[in-house]
Amino acid sequence: MAFRALILAAVALCLMSFKGCQTTAELNTRVQQAAQAQGEAMARQPVLVLPAACTAVMERVKVRDEPWVVHSFRWNVAADNRDQLARDCQAFADDYNKRIAQ
């Protein structure tokens, strides 16, 4: 008698649950779909948005009525600025790669 009551209680719980009773095949299908969705979500990489330093165009130094030394100094300043932009871009890329590796 107690065994019959236990079976009736299990059936009642299945009927009262939101999804109802599921077969093993249905449960396996849902588990596989969940695993696939989780794997796809983990495989996606966030979109890489480059900072302005990575896409900056080097400014041009125009020759004026000035000695070569002054022109060379202005060219070196422009080159130093572009080098700094390149270092900023590399730092950004390193930080990005470190974050997606976690």
PDB file of N, CA and C in Angstrom:
ATOM      1  N   MET A   1       0.819  -1.186   0.000  1.00  0.00           N
ATOM      2  CA  MET A   1       0.000   0.000   0.000  1.00  0.00           C
ATOM      3  C   MET A   1       0.863   1.250   0.000  1.00  0.00           C
ATOM      4  N   ALA A   2       1.924   1.240   0.792  1.00  0.00           N
ATOM      5  CA  ALA A   2       2.797   2.414   0.859  1.00  0.00           C
ATOM      6  C   ALA A   2       3.518   2.612  -0.473  1.00  0.00           C
ATOM      7  N   PHE A   3       3.836   1.506  -1.151  1.00  0.00           N
ATOM      8  CA  PHE A   3       4.511   1.592  -2.430  1.00  0.00           C
ATOM      9  C   PHE A   3       3.600   2.244  -3.467  1.00  0.00           C
ATOM     10  N   ARG A   4       2.318   1.885  -3.445  1.00  0.00           N
ATOM     11  CA  ARG A   4       1.347   2.456  -4.373  1.00  0.00           C
ATOM     12  C   ARG A   4       1.178   3.951  -4.095  1.00  0.00           C
ATOM     13  N   ALA A   5       1.168   4.357  -2.844  1.00  0.00           N
ATOM     14  CA  ALA A   5       1.026   5.772  -2.496  1.00  0.00           C
ATOM     15  C   ALA A   5       2.254   6.558  -2.967  1.00  0.00           C
ATOM     16  N   LEU A   6       3.410   5.939  -2.875  1.00  0.00           N
ATOM     17  CA  LEU A   6       4.631   6.604  -3.332  1.00  0.00           C
ATOM     18  C   LEU A   6       4.606   6.814  -4.841  1.00  0.00           C
ATOM     19  N   ILE A   7       4.150   5.829  -5.577  1.00  0.00           N
ATOM     20  CA  ILE A   7       4.044   5.956  -7.039  1.00  0.00           C
ATOM     21  C   ILE A   7       3.021   7.019  -7.400  1.00  0.00           C
ATOM     22  N   LEU A   8       1.869   7.032  -6.743  1.00  0.00           N
ATOM     23  CA  LEU A   8       0.849   8.046  -7.022  1.00  0.00           C
ATOM     24  C   LEU A   8       1.361   9.446  -6.697  1.00  0.00           C
ATOM     25  N   ALA A   9       2.151   9.579  -5.642  1.00  0.00           N
ATOM     26  CA  ALA A   9       2.707  10.880  -5.293  1.00  0.00           C
ATOM     27  C   ALA A   9       3.702  11.340  -6.362  1.00  0.00           C
ATOM     28  N   ALA A  10       4.518  10.423  -6.890  1.00  0.00           N
ATOM     29  CA  ALA A  10       5.482  10.771  -7.938  1.00  0.00           C
ATOM     30  C   ALA A  10       4.769  11.191  -9.207  1.00  0.00           C
ATOM     31  N   VAL A  11       3.713  10.483  -9.578  1.00  0.00           N
ATOM     32  CA  VAL A  11       2.939  10.835 -10.774  1.00  0.00           C
ATOM     33  C   VAL A  11       2.257  12.182 -10.578  1.00  0.00           C
ATOM     34  N   ALA A  12       1.735  12.436  -9.400  1.00  0.00           N
ATOM     35  CA  ALA A  12       1.087  13.715  -9.122  1.00  0.00           C
ATOM     36  C   ALA A  12       2.086  14.867  -9.214  1.00  0.00           C
ATOM     37  N   LEU A  13       3.287  14.634  -8.711  1.00  0.00           N
ATOM     38  CA  LEU A  13       4.315  15.671  -8.808  1.00  0.00           C
ATOM     39  C   LEU A  13       4.688  15.948 -10.254  1.00  0.00           C
ATOM     40  N   CYS A  14       4.763  14.912 -11.054  1.00  0.00           N
ATOM     41  CA  CYS A  14       5.082  15.105 -12.475  1.00  0.00           C
ATOM     42  C   CYS A  14       3.982  15.895 -13.171  1.00  0.00           C
ATOM     43  N   LEU A  15       2.746  15.568 -12.857  1.00  0.00           N
ATOM     44  CA  LEU A  15       1.637  16.261 -13.511  1.00  0.00           C
ATOM     45  C   LEU A  15       1.513  17.699 -13.044  1.00  0.00           C
ATOM     46  N   MET A  16       1.904  17.987 -11.808  1.00  0.00           N
ATOM     47  CA  MET A  16       1.779  19.335 -11.288  1.00  0.00           C
ATOM     48  C   MET A  16       2.964  20.215 -11.685  1.00  0.00           C
ATOM     49  N   SER A  17       4.073  19.626 -12.093  1.00  0.00           N
ATOM     50  CA  SER A  17       5.236  20.442 -12.439  1.00  0.00           C
ATOM     51  C   SER A  17       4.966  21.220 -13.719  1.00  0.00           C
ATOM     52  N   PHE A  18       5.745  22.258 -13.937  1.00  0.00           N
ATOM     53  CA  PHE A  18       5.529  23.166 -15.065  1.00  0.00           C
ATOM     54  C   PHE A  18       5.722  22.452 -16.393  1.00  0.00           C
ATOM     55  N   LYS A  19       6.783  21.681 -16.552  1.00  0.00           N
ATOM     56  CA  LYS A  19       7.085  21.005 -17.798  1.00  0.00           C
ATOM     57  C   LYS A  19       6.438  19.625 -17.885  1.00  0.00           C
ATOM     58  N   GLY A  20       6.039  19.078 -16.792  1.00  0.00           N
ATOM     59  CA  GLY A  20       5.490  17.738 -16.802  1.00  0.00           C
ATOM     60  C   GLY A  20       6.601  16.711 -16.838  1.00  0.00           C
ATOM     61  N   CYS A  21       6.243  15.467 -16.981  1.00  0.00           N
ATOM     62  CA  CYS A  21       7.229  14.400 -17.035  1.00  0.00           C
ATOM     63  C   CYS A  21       7.925  14.415 -18.386  1.00  0.00           C
ATOM     64  N   GLN A  22       9.215  14.139 -18.376  1.00  0.00           N
ATOM     65  CA  GLN A  22       9.983  14.102 -19.614  1.00  0.00           C
ATOM     66  C   GLN A  22      10.625  12.735 -19.748  1.00  0.00           C
ATOM     67  N   THR A  23      10.741  12.315 -21.002  1.00  0.00           N
ATOM     68  CA  THR A  23      11.436  11.060 -21.226  1.00  0.00           C
ATOM     69  C   THR A  23      12.935  11.324 -21.194  1.00  0.00           C
ATOM     70  N   THR A  24      13.691  10.267 -21.128  1.00  0.00           N
ATOM     71  CA  THR A  24      15.145  10.412 -21.109  1.00  0.00           C
ATOM     72  C   THR A  24      15.632  11.019 -22.421  1.00  0.00           C
ATOM     73  N   ALA A  25      15.026  10.666 -23.534  1.00  0.00           N
ATOM     74  CA  ALA A  25      15.428  11.210 -24.836  1.00  0.00           C
ATOM     75  C   ALA A  25      15.181  12.724 -24.886  1.00  0.00           C
ATOM     76  N   GLU A  26      14.041  13.163 -24.367  1.00  0.00           N
ATOM     77  CA  GLU A  26      13.749  14.605 -24.354  1.00  0.00           C
ATOM     78  C   GLU A  26      14.738  15.345 -23.472  1.00  0.00           C
ATOM     79  N   LEU A  27      15.026  14.754 -22.331  1.00  0.00           N
ATOM     80  CA  LEU A  27      15.975  15.377 -21.412  1.00  0.00           C
ATOM     81  C   LEU A  27      17.363  15.440 -22.028  1.00  0.00           C
ATOM     82  N   ASN A  28      17.801  14.367 -22.695  1.00  0.00           N
ATOM     83  CA  ASN A  28      19.106  14.366 -23.358  1.00  0.00           C
ATOM     84  C   ASN A  28      19.173  15.412 -24.463  1.00  0.00           C
ATOM     85  N   THR A  29      18.087  15.576 -25.203  1.00  0.00           N
ATOM     86  CA  THR A  29      18.035  16.585 -26.259  1.00  0.00           C
ATOM     87  C   THR A  29      18.177  17.983 -25.677  1.00  0.00           C
ATOM     88  N   ARG A  30      17.470  18.251 -24.586  1.00  0.00           N
ATOM     89  CA  ARG A  30      17.555  19.570 -23.951  1.00  0.00           C
ATOM     90  C   ARG A  30      18.951  19.822 -23.401  1.00  0.00           C
ATOM     91  N   VAL A  31      19.571  18.800 -22.832  1.00  0.00           N
ATOM     92  CA  VAL A  31      20.920  18.952 -22.287  1.00  0.00           C
ATOM     93  C   VAL A  31      21.909  19.228 -23.421  1.00  0.00           C
ATOM     94  N   GLN A  32      21.780  18.516 -24.539  1.00  0.00           N
ATOM     95  CA  GLN A  32      22.669  18.744 -25.674  1.00  0.00           C
ATOM     96  C   GLN A  32      22.479  20.144 -26.250  1.00  0.00           C
ATOM     97  N   GLN A  33      21.238  20.611 -26.351  1.00  0.00           N
ATOM     98  CA  GLN A  33      20.985  21.956 -26.856  1.00  0.00           C
ATOM     99  C   GLN A  33      21.567  23.011 -25.920  1.00  0.00           C
ATOM    100  N   ALA A  34      21.439  22.792 -24.636  1.00  0.00           N
ATOM    101  CA  ALA A  34      21.999  23.739 -23.668  1.00  0.00           C
ATOM    102  C   ALA A  34      23.519  23.753 -23.740  1.00  0.00           C
ATOM    103  N   ALA A  35      24.129  22.587 -23.880  1.00  0.00           N
ATOM    104  CA  ALA A  35      25.589  22.518 -23.982  1.00  0.00           C
ATOM    105  C   ALA A  35      26.077  23.198 -25.252  1.00  0.00           C
ATOM    106  N   GLN A  36      25.351  23.017 -26.351  1.00  0.00           N
ATOM    107  CA  GLN A  36      25.731  23.663 -27.606  1.00  0.00           C
ATOM    108  C   GLN A  36      25.600  25.180 -27.496  1.00  0.00           C
ATOM    109  N   ALA A  37      24.517  25.649 -26.905  1.00  0.00           N
ATOM    110  CA  ALA A  37      24.324  27.094 -26.742  1.00  0.00           C
ATOM    111  C   ALA A  37      25.398  27.684 -25.838  1.00  0.00           C
ATOM    112  N   GLN A  38      25.735  26.972 -24.776  1.00  0.00           N
ATOM    113  CA  GLN A  38      26.779  27.456 -23.867  1.00  0.00           C
ATOM    114  C   GLN A  38      28.133  27.476 -24.566  1.00  0.00           C
ATOM    115  N   GLY A  39      28.433  26.465 -25.351  1.00  0.00           N
ATOM    116  CA  GLY A  39      29.698  26.431 -26.091  1.00  0.00           C
ATOM    117  C   GLY A  39      29.799  27.547 -27.109  1.00  0.00           C
ATOM    118  N   GLU A  40      28.708  27.821 -27.825  1.00  0.00           N
ATOM    119  CA  GLU A  40      28.716  28.909 -28.801  1.00  0.00           C
ATOM    120  C   GLU A  40      28.900  30.262 -28.111  1.00  0.00           C
ATOM    121  N   ALA A  41      28.264  30.429 -26.967  1.00  0.00           N
ATOM    122  CA  ALA A  41      28.402  31.695 -26.243  1.00  0.00           C
ATOM    123  C   ALA A  41      29.828  31.890 -25.752  1.00  0.00           C
ATOM    124  N   MET A  42      30.471  30.811 -25.325  1.00  0.00           N
ATOM    125  CA  MET A  42      31.844  30.924 -24.837  1.00  0.00           C
ATOM    126  C   MET A  42      32.828  31.120 -25.983  1.00  0.00           C
ATOM    127  N   ALA A  43      32.500  30.615 -27.169  1.00  0.00           N
ATOM    128  CA  ALA A  43      33.408  30.704 -28.316  1.00  0.00           C
ATOM    129  C   ALA A  43      33.404  32.083 -28.950  1.00  0.00           C
ATOM    130  N   ARG A  44      32.367  32.844 -28.778  1.00  0.00           N
ATOM    131  CA  ARG A  44      32.290  34.168 -29.387  1.00  0.00           C
ATOM    132  C   ARG A  44      33.267  35.116 -28.707  1.00  0.00           C
ATOM    133  N   GLN A  45      33.967  35.896 -29.528  1.00  0.00           N
ATOM    134  CA  GLN A  45      34.874  36.909 -29.016  1.00  0.00           C
ATOM    135  C   GLN A  45      34.162  38.254 -29.048  1.00  0.00           C
ATOM    136  N   PRO A  46      34.414  39.082 -28.054  1.00  0.00           N
ATOM    137  CA  PRO A  46      33.817  40.409 -28.107  1.00  0.00           C
ATOM    138  C   PRO A  46      34.384  41.201 -29.278  1.00  0.00           C
ATOM    139  N   VAL A  47      33.600  42.135 -29.773  1.00  0.00           N
ATOM    140  CA  VAL A  47      34.021  42.940 -30.908  1.00  0.00           C
ATOM    141  C   VAL A  47      35.172  43.839 -30.484  1.00  0.00           C
ATOM    142  N   LEU A  48      36.230  43.825 -31.283  1.00  0.00           N
ATOM    143  CA  LEU A  48      37.398  44.651 -30.996  1.00  0.00           C
ATOM    144  C   LEU A  48      37.155  46.047 -31.553  1.00  0.00           C
ATOM    145  N   VAL A  49      37.093  47.028 -30.677  1.00  0.00           N
ATOM    146  CA  VAL A  49      36.930  48.418 -31.074  1.00  0.00           C
ATOM    147  C   VAL A  49      38.272  49.102 -30.872  1.00  0.00           C
ATOM    148  N   LEU A  50      38.878  49.488 -31.986  1.00  0.00           N
ATOM    149  CA  LEU A  50      40.200  50.092 -31.893  1.00  0.00           C
ATOM    150  C   LEU A  50      40.110  51.535 -31.434  1.00  0.00           C
ATOM    151  N   PRO A  51      41.023  51.936 -30.569  1.00  0.00           N
ATOM    152  CA  PRO A  51      41.035  53.342 -30.164  1.00  0.00           C
ATOM    153  C   PRO A  51      41.564  54.210 -31.296  1.00  0.00           C
ATOM    154  N   ALA A  52      41.373  55.506 -31.168  1.00  0.00           N
ATOM    155  CA  ALA A  52      41.807  56.430 -32.216  1.00  0.00           C
ATOM    156  C   ALA A  52      43.314  56.352 -32.446  1.00  0.00           C
ATOM    157  N   ALA A  53      44.076  55.974 -31.429  1.00  0.00           N
ATOM    158  CA  ALA A  53      45.526  55.880 -31.584  1.00  0.00           C
ATOM    159  C   ALA A  53      45.925  54.840 -32.623  1.00  0.00           C
ATOM    160  N   CYS A  54      45.125  53.814 -32.788  1.00  0.00           N
ATOM    161  CA  CYS A  54      45.469  52.763 -33.747  1.00  0.00           C
ATOM    162  C   CYS A  54      45.161  53.167 -35.181  1.00  0.00           C
ATOM    163  N   THR A  55      44.225  54.043 -35.362  1.00  0.00           N
ATOM    164  CA  THR A  55      43.818  54.417 -36.714  1.00  0.00           C
ATOM    165  C   THR A  55      44.293  55.808 -37.100  1.00  0.00           C
ATOM    166  N   ALA A  56      45.104  56.427 -36.258  1.00  0.00           N
ATOM    167  CA  ALA A  56      45.575  57.789 -36.539  1.00  0.00           C
ATOM    168  C   ALA A  56      46.526  57.798 -37.728  1.00  0.00           C
ATOM    169  N   VAL A  57      46.437  58.845 -38.516  1.00  0.00           N
ATOM    170  CA  VAL A  57      47.328  59.039 -39.645  1.00  0.00           C
ATOM    171  C   VAL A  57      48.408  60.017 -39.205  1.00  0.00           C
ATOM    172  N   MET A  58      49.639  59.720 -39.571  1.00  0.00           N
ATOM    173  CA  MET A  58      50.738  60.590 -39.145  1.00  0.00           C
ATOM    174  C   MET A  58      50.616  61.949 -39.808  1.00  0.00           C
ATOM    175  N   GLU A  59      50.788  62.962 -38.987  1.00  0.00           N
ATOM    176  CA  GLU A  59      50.718  64.318 -39.528  1.00  0.00           C
ATOM    177  C   GLU A  59      51.930  64.573 -40.404  1.00  0.00           C
ATOM    178  N   ARG A  60      51.741  65.411 -41.411  1.00  0.00           N
ATOM    179  CA  ARG A  60      52.815  65.727 -42.348  1.00  0.00           C
ATOM    180  C   ARG A  60      53.517  67.004 -41.912  1.00  0.00           C
ATOM    181  N   VAL A  61      54.806  67.004 -42.086  1.00  0.00           N
ATOM    182  CA  VAL A  61      55.596  68.185 -41.788  1.00  0.00           C
ATOM    183  C   VAL A  61      55.927  68.842 -43.121  1.00  0.00           C
ATOM    184  N   LYS A  62      55.408  70.030 -43.316  1.00  0.00           N
ATOM    185  CA  LYS A  62      55.616  70.736 -44.575  1.00  0.00           C
ATOM    186  C   LYS A  62      56.891  71.563 -44.501  1.00  0.00           C
ATOM    187  N   VAL A  63      57.586  71.587 -45.618  1.00  0.00           N
ATOM    188  CA  VAL A  63      58.804  72.380 -45.698  1.00  0.00           C
ATOM    189  C   VAL A  63      58.399  73.847 -45.846  1.00  0.00           C
ATOM    190  N   ARG A  64      59.005  74.696 -45.050  1.00  0.00           N
ATOM    191  CA  ARG A  64      58.743  76.132 -45.093  1.00  0.00           C
ATOM    192  C   ARG A  64      60.068  76.857 -45.331  1.00  0.00           C
ATOM    193  N   ASP A  65      60.001  78.142 -45.271  1.00  0.00           N
ATOM    194  CA  ASP A  65      61.233  78.928 -45.371  1.00  0.00           C
ATOM    195  C   ASP A  65      61.913  78.908 -44.014  1.00  0.00           C
ATOM    196  N   GLU A  66      62.610  77.825 -43.741  1.00  0.00           N
ATOM    197  CA  GLU A  66      63.274  77.660 -42.453  1.00  0.00           C
ATOM    198  C   GLU A  66      64.504  76.801 -42.656  1.00  0.00           C
ATOM    199  N   PRO A  67      65.414  76.875 -41.754  1.00  0.00           N
ATOM    200  CA  PRO A  67      66.604  76.026 -41.877  1.00  0.00           C
ATOM    201  C   PRO A  67      66.239  74.543 -41.767  1.00  0.00           C
ATOM    202  N   TRP A  68      67.099  73.683 -42.326  1.00  0.00           N
ATOM    203  CA  TRP A  68      66.885  72.243 -42.296  1.00  0.00           C
ATOM    204  C   TRP A  68      66.786  71.722 -40.859  1.00  0.00           C
ATOM    205  N   VAL A  69      67.490  72.308 -39.953  1.00  0.00           N
ATOM    206  CA  VAL A  69      67.490  71.857 -38.557  1.00  0.00           C
ATOM    207  C   VAL A  69      66.095  71.999 -37.954  1.00  0.00           C
ATOM    208  N   VAL A  70      65.414  73.097 -38.239  1.00  0.00           N
ATOM    209  CA  VAL A  70      64.067  73.321 -37.710  1.00  0.00           C
ATOM    210  C   VAL A  70      63.089  72.324 -38.329  1.00  0.00           C
ATOM    211  N   HIS A  71      63.226  72.115 -39.647  1.00  0.00           N
ATOM    212  CA  HIS A  71      62.358  71.144 -40.325  1.00  0.00           C
ATOM    213  C   HIS A  71      62.583  69.746 -39.746  1.00  0.00           C
ATOM    214  N   SER A  72      63.828  69.386 -39.533  1.00  0.00           N
ATOM    215  CA  SER A  72      64.159  68.080 -38.970  1.00  0.00           C
ATOM    216  C   SER A  72      63.588  67.939 -37.560  1.00  0.00           C
ATOM    217  N   PHE A  73      63.668  69.007 -36.762  1.00  0.00           N
ATOM    218  CA  PHE A  73      63.120  68.968 -35.404  1.00  0.00           C
ATOM    219  C   PHE A  73      61.606  68.744 -35.442  1.00  0.00           C
ATOM    220  N   ARG A  74      60.916  69.462 -36.344  1.00  0.00           N
ATOM    221  CA  ARG A  74      59.456  69.275 -36.429  1.00  0.00           C
ATOM    222  C   ARG A  74      59.120  67.865 -36.896  1.00  0.00           C
ATOM    223  N   TRP A  75      59.918  67.315 -37.806  1.00  0.00           N
ATOM    224  CA  TRP A  75      59.688  65.953 -38.278  1.00  0.00           C
ATOM    225  C   TRP A  75      59.883  64.950 -37.127  1.00  0.00           C
ATOM    226  N   ASN A  76      60.905  65.154 -36.313  1.00  0.00           N
ATOM    227  CA  ASN A  76      61.160  64.263 -35.182  1.00  0.00           C
ATOM    228  C   ASN A  76      60.031  64.341 -34.158  1.00  0.00           C
ATOM    229  N   VAL A  77      59.490  65.528 -33.943  1.00  0.00           N
ATOM    230  CA  VAL A  77      58.363  65.667 -33.014  1.00  0.00           C
ATOM    231  C   VAL A  77      57.159  64.889 -33.550  1.00  0.00           C
ATOM    232  N   ALA A  78      56.905  65.028 -34.854  1.00  0.00           N
ATOM    233  CA  ALA A  78      55.778  64.292 -35.447  1.00  0.00           C
ATOM    234  C   ALA A  78      56.003  62.784 -35.342  1.00  0.00           C
ATOM    235  N   ALA A  79      57.222  62.335 -35.578  1.00  0.00           N
ATOM    236  CA  ALA A  79      57.528  60.900 -35.483  1.00  0.00           C
ATOM    237  C   ALA A  79      57.383  60.414 -34.043  1.00  0.00           C
ATOM    238  N   ASP A  80      57.823  61.224 -33.083  1.00  0.00           N
ATOM    239  CA  ASP A  80      57.671  60.847 -31.675  1.00  0.00           C
ATOM    240  C   ASP A  80      56.197  60.723 -31.300  1.00  0.00           C
ATOM    241  N   ASN A  81      55.375  61.625 -31.796  1.00  0.00           N
ATOM    242  CA  ASN A  81      53.938  61.555 -31.521  1.00  0.00           C
ATOM    243  C   ASN A  81      53.341  60.269 -32.086  1.00  0.00           C
ATOM    244  N   ARG A  82      53.731  59.905 -33.300  1.00  0.00           N
ATOM    245  CA  ARG A  82      53.195  58.689 -33.910  1.00  0.00           C
ATOM    246  C   ARG A  82      53.694  57.449 -33.167  1.00  0.00           C
ATOM    247  N   ASP A  83      54.937  57.493 -32.714  1.00  0.00           N
ATOM    248  CA  ASP A  83      55.458  56.364 -31.929  1.00  0.00           C
ATOM    249  C   ASP A  83      54.663  56.188 -30.639  1.00  0.00           C
ATOM    250  N   GLN A  84      54.294  57.291 -30.010  1.00  0.00           N
ATOM    251  CA  GLN A  84      53.498  57.217 -28.785  1.00  0.00           C
ATOM    252  C   GLN A  84      52.124  56.633 -29.081  1.00  0.00           C
ATOM    253  N   LEU A  85      51.542  57.022 -30.207  1.00  0.00           N
ATOM    254  CA  LEU A  85      50.247  56.453 -30.592  1.00  0.00           C
ATOM    255  C   LEU A  85      50.364  54.946 -30.816  1.00  0.00           C
ATOM    256  N   ALA A  86      51.461  54.527 -31.423  1.00  0.00           N
ATOM    257  CA  ALA A  86      51.665  53.092 -31.651  1.00  0.00           C
ATOM    258  C   ALA A  86      51.818  52.350 -30.323  1.00  0.00           C
ATOM    259  N   ARG A  87      52.523  52.938 -29.365  1.00  0.00           N
ATOM    260  CA  ARG A  87      52.658  52.304 -28.045  1.00  0.00           C
ATOM    261  C   ARG A  87      51.303  52.213 -27.342  1.00  0.00           C
ATOM    262  N   ASP A  88      50.488  53.264 -27.469  1.00  0.00           N
ATOM    263  CA  ASP A  88      49.147  53.229 -26.883  1.00  0.00           C
ATOM    264  C   ASP A  88      48.316  52.107 -27.496  1.00  0.00           C
ATOM    265  N   CYS A  89      48.429  51.966 -28.800  1.00  0.00           N
ATOM    266  CA  CYS A  89      47.671  50.915 -29.494  1.00  0.00           C
ATOM    267  C   CYS A  89      48.141  49.530 -29.048  1.00  0.00           C
ATOM    268  N   GLN A  90      49.438  49.345 -28.920  1.00  0.00           N
ATOM    269  CA  GLN A  90      49.964  48.055 -28.474  1.00  0.00           C
ATOM    270  C   GLN A  90      49.520  47.744 -27.054  1.00  0.00           C
ATOM    271  N   ALA A  91      49.506  48.751 -26.194  1.00  0.00           N
ATOM    272  CA  ALA A  91      49.044  48.545 -24.819  1.00  0.00           C
ATOM    273  C   ALA A  91      47.572  48.137 -24.805  1.00  0.00           C
ATOM    274  N   PHE A  92      46.781  48.757 -25.679  1.00  0.00           N
ATOM    275  CA  PHE A  92      45.369  48.403 -25.779  1.00  0.00           C
ATOM    276  C   PHE A  92      45.210  46.957 -26.237  1.00  0.00           C
ATOM    277  N   ALA A  93      45.960  46.570 -27.265  1.00  0.00           N
ATOM    278  CA  ALA A  93      45.862  45.205 -27.781  1.00  0.00           C
ATOM    279  C   ALA A  93      46.298  44.187 -26.726  1.00  0.00           C
ATOM    280  N   ASP A  94      47.357  44.503 -25.987  1.00  0.00           N
ATOM    281  CA  ASP A  94      47.807  43.584 -24.928  1.00  0.00           C
ATOM    282  C   ASP A  94      46.738  43.428 -23.855  1.00  0.00           C
ATOM    283  N   ASP A  95      46.116  44.533 -23.465  1.00  0.00           N
ATOM    284  CA  ASP A  95      45.060  44.484 -22.455  1.00  0.00           C
ATOM    285  C   ASP A  95      43.865  43.678 -22.966  1.00  0.00           C
ATOM    286  N   TYR A  96      43.499  43.880 -24.215  1.00  0.00           N
ATOM    287  CA  TYR A  96      42.378  43.147 -24.813  1.00  0.00           C
ATOM    288  C   TYR A  96      42.662  41.647 -24.821  1.00  0.00           C
ATOM    289  N   ASN A  97      43.861  41.277 -25.282  1.00  0.00           N
ATOM    290  CA  ASN A  97      44.202  39.857 -25.336  1.00  0.00           C
ATOM    291  C   ASN A  97      44.242  39.229 -23.947  1.00  0.00           C
ATOM    292  N   LYS A  98      44.679  40.007 -22.957  1.00  0.00           N
ATOM    293  CA  LYS A  98      44.708  39.489 -21.587  1.00  0.00           C
ATOM    294  C   LYS A  98      43.287  39.260 -21.065  1.00  0.00           C
ATOM    295  N   ARG A  99      42.376  40.179 -21.416  1.00  0.00           N
ATOM    296  CA  ARG A  99      41.000  40.044 -20.921  1.00  0.00           C
ATOM    297  C   ARG A  99      40.274  38.871 -21.579  1.00  0.00           C
ATOM    298  N   ILE A 100      40.482  38.630 -22.865  1.00  0.00           N
ATOM    299  CA  ILE A 100      39.759  37.517 -23.502  1.00  0.00           C
ATOM    300  C   ILE A 100      40.389  36.168 -23.181  1.00  0.00           C
ATOM    301  N   ALA A 101      41.624  36.174 -22.682  1.00  0.00           N
ATOM    302  CA  ALA A 101      42.277  34.916 -22.323  1.00  0.00           C
ATOM    303  C   ALA A 101      41.734  34.356 -21.017  1.00  0.00           C
ATOM    304  N   GLN A 102      41.087  35.163 -20.211  1.00  0.00           N
ATOM    305  CA  GLN A 102      40.599  34.710 -18.910  1.00  0.00           C
ATOM    306  C   GLN A 102      39.384  33.851 -19.032  1.00  0.00           C
TER     307      GLN A 102
END
